[in-house]
Amino acid sequence: MSKVEVNQISSQCGSTLTIGQSGDTVTLAAGATQTGFGRTGTVDWDTTAKTTGFTAANGTGYFVNTTSGAITVTLPAGSAGSIVSLKDYANTWQTNNVTVTPNGTDKINGVNADAILSTADQSVTLVYVDSTKGWRAVQDSTSSVTGNAYILATGGTITTCGDYKIHTFTSPGTFTVSTAAICSADNNVDYLVVAGGGGSAGSNNTPCFGYATGGAGAGGFRESHAVPVSGSYTASPLATPTSIPVTVQGYPIAVGGGGAGGPTTGNGSNGSNSIFSTITSAGGGYSSYGSNNPNPPGGPGGSGGGSGAYGHASCSPATRSPGGTGNTPPVSPPQGNPGGRGTYQSNTGGGGGGGAGGNGSDAPRICTPACTSGGDGGAGVATAISGNPTAYTGGGGGGNSYFDGNTSTLGSGDGGVGGGGNGGSGNGTTNSGTPTPQQGVAGTTNTGGGAGGTTSYGSNKSGNAGGSGIVIIRYKYQ
């Protein structure tokens, strides 16, 4: 084999220089580099699939395997003509996305923000053009690649409804904003914050067949709804048009638990607060127990708890203890309503707990026969922020201790729509004639419903627990 050693090869005339002949292969020796030839618009493919985040190199293509989880690819510092290609290795990008991050202040299609690749079997080639447009897709098997124009966030259970993303927290967690929207108006989110419902009091079986307790108050209800932020859906009548602005950070979410039921002849406990950002909803107020002396009032809270039955044996006028105050502490629009009053007749009913949509009902006075029904819990309110219309924060129904063997209309109070528990009854019925356990019913989980009151007919009984709260966050994501 002959060998020619020279420092430069120049054409004899003209500007065209031909190396080799048709059919020949011209090879650059291993370890040698070239300059001045430029790229042909293609990349050299790295055939070892990437399974974790990495920084891409100019002129290289990568097979990205997201089978085990999402992956972030950081682009190299851009200079005109830089080129990077990416390919879905296992057809899993629709499940675990690839986040493409520009270097420093570089842009992707004119935007200094991450781009998300989220289509199965997608492949894309990016070329750096200039500082105005940055990296642009010159080949994309599915769609345009542009820096994300909207919020990117994690936390809770995530669902979508059209162009809107919904994060639902049924227990404490963190709403984490990882990328802010390009337009400041798109950095707002709407919310539903429901606190835990109150717990009902316990009841004592003596004397005169015992006493009934009030229904507990529902947890506070707070909601925002602005159509540009979270889309057109039917919000509650209490929704405010003022949304919450968010930035790139984590927002701790507190989901309030329901208040515990009280011991025999003891008040229940308030529900716990739920919190998102600057919004706090107050736990529902406890209900009070019945007594042969004037009984305590119901507890204040997001909605107030009902008071128990005062078991005086006559129909003479007496002061009934009030239900607890609602919307405590006060906010606007109000987060709840007051509880109802128990009566003062032997074998009596307790007042209903307040709900977000209405007051708890007072137990009615009935002197013939010597008994009365428990008061109904206040109604809750419904919203479709989750994508499905759902009622929250119903007050608990008051209990009733009377038993005559056949009367169904003198039963316990009905729980308010939205998770309020029915009260317990010696007759085993609610005001609507629906059978209910004698003990009464707890508030429904993740509605903020107040607990139903108890009846002591037959034995001493402890109170019931309130329903836990919920936090929902909704915003435009595409």
Protein backbone atom coordinates (compact mmCIF):
# COMPACT_ATOMS: atom_id res chain seq x y z
CA MET A 1 0.00 0.00 0.00
CA SER A 2 1.42 3.36 -1.05
CA LYS A 3 1.50 6.30 1.33
CA VAL A 4 1.45 10.04 0.58
CA GLU A 5 2.41 12.50 3.29
CA VAL A 6 1.50 16.16 2.67
CA ASN A 7 0.34 19.11 4.78
CA GLN A 8 -2.25 20.42 2.29
CA ILE A 9 -4.10 19.20 -0.78
CA SER A 10 -5.24 21.91 -3.18
CA SER A 11 -7.10 21.70 -6.46
CA GLN A 12 -5.06 22.30 -9.64
CA CYS A 13 -7.64 24.74 -10.92
CA GLY A 14 -11.15 25.78 -10.08
CA SER A 15 -12.72 25.34 -6.66
CA THR A 16 -13.74 21.67 -6.66
CA LEU A 17 -11.49 19.05 -5.07
CA THR A 18 -12.45 15.38 -5.41
CA ILE A 19 -11.08 12.72 -3.02
CA GLY A 20 -11.56 9.12 -4.08
CA GLN A 21 -13.65 7.68 -6.87
CA SER A 22 -17.23 6.51 -7.16
CA GLY A 23 -17.77 3.50 -4.92
CA ASP A 24 -14.79 4.25 -2.69
CA THR A 25 -15.03 4.71 1.09
CA VAL A 26 -13.06 7.61 2.51
CA THR A 27 -12.36 7.01 6.22
CA LEU A 28 -11.18 9.44 8.89
CA ALA A 29 -8.70 7.57 11.08
CA ALA A 30 -9.74 6.63 14.62
CA GLY A 31 -8.92 9.43 17.04
CA ALA A 32 -8.59 12.01 14.25
CA THR A 33 -10.87 15.06 14.19
CA GLN A 34 -12.19 17.20 11.38
CA THR A 35 -13.05 20.87 11.08
CA GLY A 36 -14.64 22.92 8.40
CA PHE A 37 -16.81 20.18 6.90
CA GLY A 38 -19.90 21.08 8.91
CA ARG A 39 -22.73 18.66 9.79
CA THR A 40 -25.12 17.18 7.29
CA GLY A 41 -28.18 17.80 9.50
CA THR A 42 -27.98 14.41 11.20
CA VAL A 43 -26.65 13.10 14.51
CA ASP A 44 -24.51 10.23 15.65
CA TRP A 45 -26.77 7.91 17.64
CA ASP A 46 -25.83 6.67 21.10
CA THR A 47 -27.44 3.21 21.10
CA THR A 48 -27.19 2.72 24.87
CA ALA A 49 -30.69 3.68 26.07
CA LYS A 50 -30.83 6.39 28.73
CA THR A 51 -32.82 5.46 31.86
CA THR A 52 -32.00 8.45 34.08
CA GLY A 53 -31.68 12.20 33.56
CA PHE A 54 -28.68 13.43 31.57
CA THR A 55 -27.18 16.41 29.71
CA ALA A 56 -27.19 15.92 25.95
CA ALA A 57 -24.12 16.59 23.79
CA ASN A 58 -24.16 18.46 20.51
CA GLY A 59 -24.36 16.15 17.50
CA THR A 60 -25.72 13.15 19.39
CA GLY A 61 -29.03 11.28 19.26
CA TYR A 62 -30.38 9.40 22.27
CA PHE A 63 -32.88 6.62 22.88
CA VAL A 64 -34.68 7.60 26.10
CA ASN A 65 -36.29 4.81 28.13
CA THR A 66 -38.93 6.07 30.62
CA THR A 67 -40.25 2.64 31.59
CA SER A 68 -39.24 3.19 35.23
CA GLY A 69 -40.15 6.88 35.50
CA ALA A 70 -40.05 10.34 33.96
CA ILE A 71 -36.66 11.64 32.75
CA THR A 72 -35.24 15.15 32.34
CA VAL A 73 -32.91 15.86 29.41
CA THR A 74 -30.85 19.06 29.69
CA LEU A 75 -29.79 20.53 26.35
CA PRO A 76 -26.19 21.65 25.80
CA ALA A 77 -25.34 25.35 25.67
CA GLY A 78 -26.71 26.49 22.33
CA SER A 79 -24.62 27.72 19.43
CA ALA A 80 -25.80 28.12 15.86
CA GLY A 81 -26.04 24.73 14.19
CA SER A 82 -25.98 22.63 17.37
CA ILE A 83 -28.16 19.55 16.97
CA VAL A 84 -29.69 16.96 19.34
CA SER A 85 -32.15 14.14 18.63
CA LEU A 86 -34.33 12.13 21.05
CA LYS A 87 -36.38 8.96 20.49
CA ASP A 88 -38.89 7.10 22.68
CA TYR A 89 -37.08 3.80 23.35
CA ALA A 90 -39.94 1.77 24.87
CA ASN A 91 -43.06 3.64 23.70
CA THR A 92 -43.70 4.91 27.25
CA TRP A 93 -43.43 8.70 26.95
CA GLN A 94 -47.22 9.02 27.18
CA THR A 95 -47.05 7.48 30.70
CA ASN A 96 -43.73 8.85 31.95
CA ASN A 97 -42.88 12.06 30.13
CA VAL A 98 -39.54 13.44 29.01
CA THR A 99 -38.86 17.00 30.19
CA VAL A 100 -36.49 18.89 27.87
CA THR A 101 -34.73 21.70 29.75
CA PRO A 102 -32.82 24.50 27.96
CA ASN A 103 -29.37 25.46 29.23
CA GLY A 104 -29.39 28.67 31.30
CA THR A 105 -31.21 31.44 29.42
CA ASP A 106 -31.40 29.51 26.14
CA LYS A 107 -34.85 29.14 24.61
CA ILE A 108 -36.90 26.37 23.05
CA ASN A 109 -38.97 27.73 20.15
CA GLY A 110 -38.61 31.26 21.52
CA VAL A 111 -39.48 30.44 25.16
CA ASN A 112 -37.08 30.03 28.08
CA ALA A 113 -39.03 27.16 29.64
CA ASP A 114 -39.13 23.39 29.73
CA ALA A 115 -40.78 21.44 26.93
CA ILE A 116 -42.63 18.18 27.60
CA LEU A 117 -42.50 15.17 25.26
CA SER A 118 -45.55 13.03 26.11
CA THR A 119 -46.50 10.93 23.08
CA ALA A 120 -45.78 7.24 22.68
CA ASP A 121 -43.06 6.44 20.09
CA GLN A 122 -42.28 10.12 19.59
CA SER A 123 -38.99 11.22 18.03
CA VAL A 124 -37.69 14.76 17.70
CA THR A 125 -34.63 16.55 16.32
CA LEU A 126 -33.75 19.98 17.71
CA VAL A 127 -31.38 22.47 16.06
CA TYR A 128 -30.14 25.66 17.76
CA VAL A 129 -30.88 28.63 15.47
CA ASP A 130 -30.14 31.84 17.36
CA SER A 131 -30.79 33.64 20.67
CA THR A 132 -34.26 34.73 19.55
CA LYS A 133 -35.75 31.31 18.80
CA GLY A 134 -33.13 29.11 20.44
CA TRP A 135 -33.74 25.41 19.77
CA ARG A 136 -36.29 24.57 17.09
CA ALA A 137 -37.71 21.22 16.07
CA VAL A 138 -36.73 20.44 12.48
CA GLN A 139 -38.19 16.97 12.71
CA ASP A 140 -40.93 15.84 15.09
CA SER A 141 -42.91 12.68 14.52
CA THR A 142 -45.97 14.01 16.38
CA SER A 143 -46.33 17.69 17.19
CA SER A 144 -44.73 21.08 17.70
CA VAL A 145 -42.13 21.27 20.48
CA THR A 146 -42.38 24.50 22.47
CA GLY A 147 -41.48 25.57 25.98
CA ASN A 148 -44.39 25.01 28.36
CA ALA A 149 -46.75 27.99 28.37
CA TYR A 150 -48.62 26.94 31.53
CA ILE A 151 -48.03 25.79 35.08
CA LEU A 152 -46.34 22.45 35.70
CA ALA A 153 -47.13 21.03 39.14
CA THR A 154 -47.33 17.83 41.16
CA GLY A 155 -49.12 16.69 44.31
CA GLY A 156 -52.29 14.88 45.30
CA THR A 157 -54.33 12.80 42.87
CA ILE A 158 -54.09 14.46 39.44
CA THR A 159 -56.90 14.31 36.88
CA THR A 160 -57.77 16.41 33.83
CA CYS A 161 -60.96 17.99 32.54
CA GLY A 162 -60.48 19.37 29.04
CA ASP A 163 -57.65 21.92 29.16
CA TYR A 164 -57.68 22.00 32.97
CA LYS A 165 -55.76 19.99 35.53
CA ILE A 166 -57.20 19.06 38.93
CA HIS A 167 -55.17 18.13 42.04
CA THR A 168 -57.25 16.46 44.77
CA PHE A 169 -55.90 16.10 48.31
CA THR A 170 -57.83 13.76 50.62
CA SER A 171 -54.99 13.77 53.15
CA PRO A 172 -52.08 16.14 53.88
CA GLY A 173 -49.52 16.63 51.10
CA THR A 174 -47.70 19.28 49.06
CA PHE A 175 -48.78 21.09 45.91
CA THR A 176 -45.44 21.70 44.18
CA VAL A 177 -45.13 24.13 41.27
CA SER A 178 -42.03 23.14 39.28
CA THR A 179 -42.47 25.51 36.31
CA ALA A 180 -44.29 28.83 36.15
CA ALA A 181 -46.42 29.86 33.20
CA ILE A 182 -45.05 32.30 30.61
CA CYS A 183 -47.96 34.69 31.10
CA SER A 184 -48.46 35.88 34.68
CA ALA A 185 -52.24 35.59 34.35
CA ASP A 186 -51.80 31.82 33.86
CA ASN A 187 -50.02 31.51 37.22
CA ASN A 188 -53.34 31.65 39.10
CA VAL A 189 -55.21 28.63 40.45
CA ASP A 190 -58.72 28.10 41.78
CA TYR A 191 -59.36 26.13 44.95
CA LEU A 192 -61.82 24.32 47.15
CA VAL A 193 -60.81 24.12 50.82
CA VAL A 194 -63.15 22.13 53.11
CA ALA A 195 -62.35 21.62 56.79
CA GLY A 196 -63.19 18.61 58.96
CA GLY A 197 -66.71 18.38 60.39
CA GLY A 198 -67.40 18.56 64.12
CA GLY A 199 -67.97 15.56 66.38
CA SER A 200 -71.23 15.04 68.29
CA ALA A 201 -71.65 14.78 72.05
CA GLY A 202 -72.25 11.59 74.01
CA SER A 203 -75.51 10.99 75.87
CA ASN A 204 -76.54 9.67 79.29
CA ASN A 205 -79.44 7.25 79.81
CA THR A 206 -80.76 8.72 83.04
CA PRO A 207 -83.23 10.02 84.06
CA CYS A 208 -86.51 9.80 82.13
CA PHE A 209 -85.21 7.60 79.30
CA GLY A 210 -82.23 9.89 78.89
CA TYR A 211 -81.29 12.80 76.69
CA ALA A 212 -80.44 13.40 73.06
CA THR A 213 -77.52 15.44 71.77
CA GLY A 214 -77.32 18.02 69.01
CA GLY A 215 -75.93 17.40 65.55
CA ALA A 216 -72.40 18.72 64.95
CA GLY A 217 -71.51 21.57 62.61
CA ALA A 218 -69.97 21.07 59.17
CA GLY A 219 -66.42 22.12 58.38
CA GLY A 220 -65.81 25.52 56.82
CA PHE A 221 -66.29 25.74 53.05
CA ARG A 222 -64.22 28.10 50.90
CA GLU A 223 -64.02 28.14 47.10
CA SER A 224 -62.82 30.37 44.26
CA HIS A 225 -63.84 30.27 40.61
CA ALA A 226 -62.61 32.47 37.78
CA VAL A 227 -63.43 31.15 34.29
CA PRO A 228 -60.11 32.17 32.67
CA VAL A 229 -58.23 30.32 35.40
CA SER A 230 -60.06 27.02 35.70
CA GLY A 231 -62.73 26.89 33.00
CA SER A 232 -66.49 27.06 32.91
CA TYR A 233 -68.21 24.78 35.44
CA THR A 234 -70.96 25.18 38.02
CA ALA A 235 -69.39 26.46 41.22
CA SER A 236 -71.11 26.83 44.59
CA PRO A 237 -73.03 30.00 45.50
CA LEU A 238 -70.20 30.77 47.97
CA ALA A 239 -67.42 30.87 45.37
CA THR A 240 -65.36 34.06 45.18
CA PRO A 241 -63.90 35.26 41.84
CA THR A 242 -60.52 35.89 43.48
CA SER A 243 -58.06 33.12 42.56
CA ILE A 244 -54.68 32.41 44.20
CA PRO A 245 -51.40 33.33 42.41
CA VAL A 246 -48.67 30.68 42.70
CA THR A 247 -44.92 30.68 42.09
CA VAL A 248 -42.27 27.97 41.71
CA GLN A 249 -42.28 26.43 45.20
CA GLY A 250 -44.02 23.85 47.34
CA TYR A 251 -47.33 24.68 49.06
CA PRO A 252 -48.05 22.46 52.10
CA ILE A 253 -51.64 21.20 52.13
CA ALA A 254 -53.45 20.55 55.41
CA VAL A 255 -56.59 18.39 55.18
CA GLY A 256 -58.53 18.64 58.42
CA GLY A 257 -59.71 15.51 60.19
CA GLY A 258 -63.21 15.17 61.59
CA GLY A 259 -63.74 15.99 65.25
CA ALA A 260 -63.97 13.08 67.69
CA GLY A 261 -67.25 12.07 69.30
CA GLY A 262 -67.64 13.02 72.96
CA PRO A 263 -67.83 10.64 75.93
CA THR A 264 -71.04 9.94 77.81
CA THR A 265 -72.44 13.30 78.89
CA GLY A 266 -69.56 15.10 77.23
CA ASN A 267 -69.30 17.48 74.30
CA GLY A 268 -67.82 16.38 71.01
CA SER A 269 -64.68 17.96 69.51
CA ASN A 270 -64.30 20.52 66.76
CA GLY A 271 -63.05 19.36 63.38
CA SER A 272 -59.56 20.41 62.28
CA ASN A 273 -58.72 23.21 59.85
CA SER A 274 -57.84 22.67 56.18
CA ILE A 275 -55.26 25.00 54.60
CA PHE A 276 -53.95 25.90 51.15
CA SER A 277 -51.70 28.95 50.73
CA THR A 278 -53.50 31.95 52.30
CA ILE A 279 -56.83 30.11 52.59
CA THR A 280 -57.83 28.50 55.89
CA SER A 281 -61.20 26.83 56.45
CA ALA A 282 -62.17 26.37 60.08
CA GLY A 283 -63.18 23.00 61.55
CA GLY A 284 -66.87 22.43 62.28
CA GLY A 285 -68.24 23.15 65.76
CA TYR A 286 -68.96 20.32 68.21
CA SER A 287 -72.43 19.53 69.47
CA SER A 288 -73.32 19.70 73.15
CA TYR A 289 -74.79 17.02 75.41
CA GLY A 290 -78.24 16.84 77.03
CA SER A 291 -78.66 17.47 80.73
CA ASN A 292 -81.27 17.60 83.48
CA ASN A 293 -79.98 21.12 84.02
CA PRO A 294 -79.54 23.70 81.31
CA ASN A 295 -77.14 22.09 78.84
CA PRO A 296 -74.09 23.79 77.27
CA PRO A 297 -74.44 25.62 73.95
CA GLY A 298 -73.12 24.10 70.75
CA GLY A 299 -69.54 24.86 69.76
CA PRO A 300 -68.54 27.62 67.31
CA GLY A 301 -66.63 26.82 64.12
CA GLY A 302 -66.77 26.87 60.33
CA SER A 303 -70.40 25.98 60.95
CA GLY A 304 -71.76 25.88 64.49
CA GLY A 305 -72.76 22.71 66.35
CA GLY A 306 -76.28 22.14 67.66
CA SER A 307 -77.09 22.11 71.37
CA GLY A 308 -78.42 19.05 73.17
CA ALA A 309 -81.76 18.38 74.86
CA TYR A 310 -82.50 19.83 78.28
CA GLY A 311 -84.59 17.11 79.91
CA HIS A 312 -87.02 19.08 82.03
CA ALA A 313 -90.29 17.20 82.45
CA SER A 314 -92.73 20.08 81.99
CA CYS A 315 -93.77 22.26 79.11
CA SER A 316 -93.22 25.48 80.98
CA PRO A 317 -91.26 28.09 79.03
CA ALA A 318 -87.51 27.84 79.45
CA THR A 319 -84.45 29.20 77.73
CA ARG A 320 -83.02 26.72 75.28
CA SER A 321 -79.25 26.78 74.96
CA PRO A 322 -78.20 28.18 71.60
CA GLY A 323 -76.39 26.40 68.86
CA GLY A 324 -72.81 27.39 68.14
CA THR A 325 -72.02 30.33 65.90
CA GLY A 326 -70.90 29.67 62.33
CA ASN A 327 -68.35 31.48 60.14
CA THR A 328 -65.93 31.58 63.06
CA PRO A 329 -63.46 33.15 62.50
CA PRO A 330 -65.36 35.39 60.06
CA VAL A 331 -64.48 35.43 56.36
CA SER A 332 -66.30 36.70 53.27
CA PRO A 333 -68.17 34.98 51.71
CA PRO A 334 -69.13 33.20 54.97
CA GLN A 335 -67.74 29.68 55.32
CA GLY A 336 -70.70 28.33 57.30
CA ASN A 337 -73.80 28.93 59.43
CA PRO A 338 -75.02 28.60 63.05
CA GLY A 339 -76.23 25.39 64.66
CA GLY A 340 -79.76 24.82 65.96
CA ARG A 341 -81.13 24.73 69.52
CA GLY A 342 -82.15 21.60 71.38
CA THR A 343 -85.46 21.57 73.23
CA TYR A 344 -86.17 21.28 76.97
CA GLN A 345 -88.79 18.52 77.07
CA SER A 346 -88.29 15.10 78.62
CA ASN A 347 -87.39 12.52 75.96
CA THR A 348 -86.41 15.33 73.67
CA GLY A 349 -84.47 16.05 70.49
CA GLY A 350 -81.26 18.02 69.96
CA GLY A 351 -80.64 20.85 67.51
CA GLY A 352 -79.10 20.25 64.10
CA GLY A 353 -75.58 21.32 63.18
CA GLY A 354 -75.01 24.20 60.77
CA GLY A 355 -74.00 23.61 57.15
CA ALA A 356 -72.27 25.76 54.56
CA GLY A 357 -75.59 26.38 52.81
CA GLY A 358 -77.96 26.77 55.74
CA ASN A 359 -78.52 26.99 59.50
CA GLY A 360 -79.08 23.94 61.64
CA SER A 361 -82.74 23.56 62.60
CA ASP A 362 -83.98 24.07 66.13
CA ALA A 363 -85.67 21.06 67.69
CA PRO A 364 -89.42 21.84 67.62
CA ARG A 365 -91.38 22.08 70.89
CA ILE A 366 -94.13 19.46 71.09
CA CYS A 367 -95.99 19.03 74.39
CA THR A 368 -98.47 16.34 73.33
CA PRO A 369 -97.12 13.72 73.32
CA ALA A 370 -94.27 14.63 75.63
CA CYS A 371 -91.51 14.41 73.04
CA THR A 372 -90.09 16.18 70.05
CA SER A 373 -88.11 15.48 66.90
CA GLY A 374 -84.42 16.26 66.56
CA GLY A 375 -83.51 19.29 64.45
CA ASP A 376 -82.27 18.73 60.90
CA GLY A 377 -78.70 19.54 59.95
CA GLY A 378 -78.09 22.57 57.77
CA ALA A 379 -77.72 21.90 54.04
CA GLY A 380 -74.31 21.87 52.43
CA VAL A 381 -73.46 23.24 48.98
CA ALA A 382 -72.36 21.62 45.71
CA THR A 383 -69.59 22.45 43.24
CA ALA A 384 -68.26 20.81 40.07
CA ILE A 385 -64.64 21.94 40.59
CA SER A 386 -63.58 18.26 40.57
CA GLY A 387 -65.26 17.68 37.20
CA ASN A 388 -68.34 16.11 38.81
CA PRO A 389 -70.99 17.99 40.83
CA THR A 390 -70.44 17.05 44.48
CA ALA A 391 -72.05 18.33 47.68
CA TYR A 392 -69.96 19.13 50.74
CA THR A 393 -70.34 20.39 54.33
CA GLY A 394 -73.78 19.25 55.46
CA GLY A 395 -74.58 19.64 59.16
CA GLY A 396 -75.33 16.66 61.39
CA GLY A 397 -78.93 15.91 62.40
CA GLY A 398 -79.96 16.15 66.06
CA GLY A 399 -80.69 13.00 68.07
CA ASN A 400 -84.01 12.05 69.66
CA SER A 401 -84.42 9.77 72.67
CA TYR A 402 -88.19 9.23 72.59
CA PHE A 403 -89.64 5.78 71.96
CA ASP A 404 -93.35 4.99 71.62
CA GLY A 405 -93.14 1.85 69.53
CA ASN A 406 -94.94 3.11 66.48
CA THR A 407 -94.37 6.84 65.87
CA SER A 408 -92.06 7.45 62.91
CA THR A 409 -92.58 11.19 62.55
CA LEU A 410 -90.94 11.91 65.90
CA GLY A 411 -87.54 10.58 64.99
CA SER A 412 -84.09 12.10 64.82
CA GLY A 413 -83.01 14.98 62.64
CA ASP A 414 -81.85 14.32 59.08
CA GLY A 415 -78.24 15.08 58.23
CA GLY A 416 -77.78 17.96 55.78
CA VAL A 417 -77.02 17.13 52.15
CA GLY A 418 -73.26 17.10 51.71
CA GLY A 419 -72.14 14.44 54.17
CA GLY A 420 -74.01 15.35 57.35
CA GLY A 421 -74.79 12.31 59.53
CA ASN A 422 -78.34 11.45 60.60
CA GLY A 423 -79.06 11.69 64.31
CA GLY A 424 -79.81 8.65 66.47
CA SER A 425 -83.37 7.94 67.57
CA GLY A 426 -85.24 5.78 70.06
CA ASN A 427 -87.77 5.19 67.27
CA GLY A 428 -85.02 4.12 64.91
CA THR A 429 -86.16 6.62 62.27
CA THR A 430 -85.25 10.01 60.94
CA ASN A 431 -87.77 12.78 60.34
CA SER A 432 -88.11 11.54 56.76
CA GLY A 433 -88.95 8.03 57.99
CA THR A 434 -85.64 6.52 56.85
CA PRO A 435 -84.30 3.85 59.24
CA THR A 436 -81.09 4.88 60.96
CA PRO A 437 -78.92 3.21 63.62
CA GLN A 438 -79.93 4.25 67.12
CA GLN A 439 -76.40 5.50 67.70
CA GLY A 440 -76.58 8.05 64.89
CA VAL A 441 -74.22 8.39 61.95
CA ALA A 442 -70.75 9.87 61.56
CA GLY A 443 -70.07 12.61 59.00
CA THR A 444 -69.01 11.33 55.58
CA THR A 445 -65.27 11.13 54.86
CA ASN A 446 -63.79 13.94 52.71
CA THR A 447 -66.97 16.02 52.72
CA GLY A 448 -66.51 17.96 55.96
CA GLY A 449 -69.94 16.71 57.08
CA GLY A 450 -70.97 17.16 60.73
CA ALA A 451 -71.67 14.10 62.90
CA GLY A 452 -75.22 13.08 63.74
CA GLY A 453 -76.35 13.48 67.35
CA THR A 454 -76.83 10.53 69.69
CA THR A 455 -79.71 9.13 71.68
CA SER A 456 -79.24 7.52 75.07
CA TYR A 457 -82.43 5.45 74.90
CA GLY A 458 -81.55 2.04 76.32
CA SER A 459 -77.94 2.76 77.27
CA ASN A 460 -75.26 5.42 77.62
CA LYS A 461 -73.61 6.23 74.31
CA SER A 462 -70.53 8.03 73.02
CA GLY A 463 -70.78 10.62 70.27
CA ASN A 464 -69.97 10.22 66.57
CA ALA A 465 -67.03 11.55 64.56
CA GLY A 466 -67.20 14.27 61.95
CA GLY A 467 -66.22 13.73 58.33
CA SER A 468 -62.71 14.69 57.20
CA GLY A 469 -62.16 17.59 54.81
CA ILE A 470 -60.73 17.89 51.30
CA VAL A 471 -58.62 20.33 49.24
CA ILE A 472 -58.93 20.63 45.43
CA ILE A 473 -56.77 22.86 43.18
CA ARG A 474 -57.65 23.50 39.53
CA TYR A 475 -55.90 25.46 36.73
CA LYS A 476 -55.33 25.66 32.98
CA TYR A 477 -52.47 23.42 31.84
CA GLN A 478 -52.66 23.53 28.03
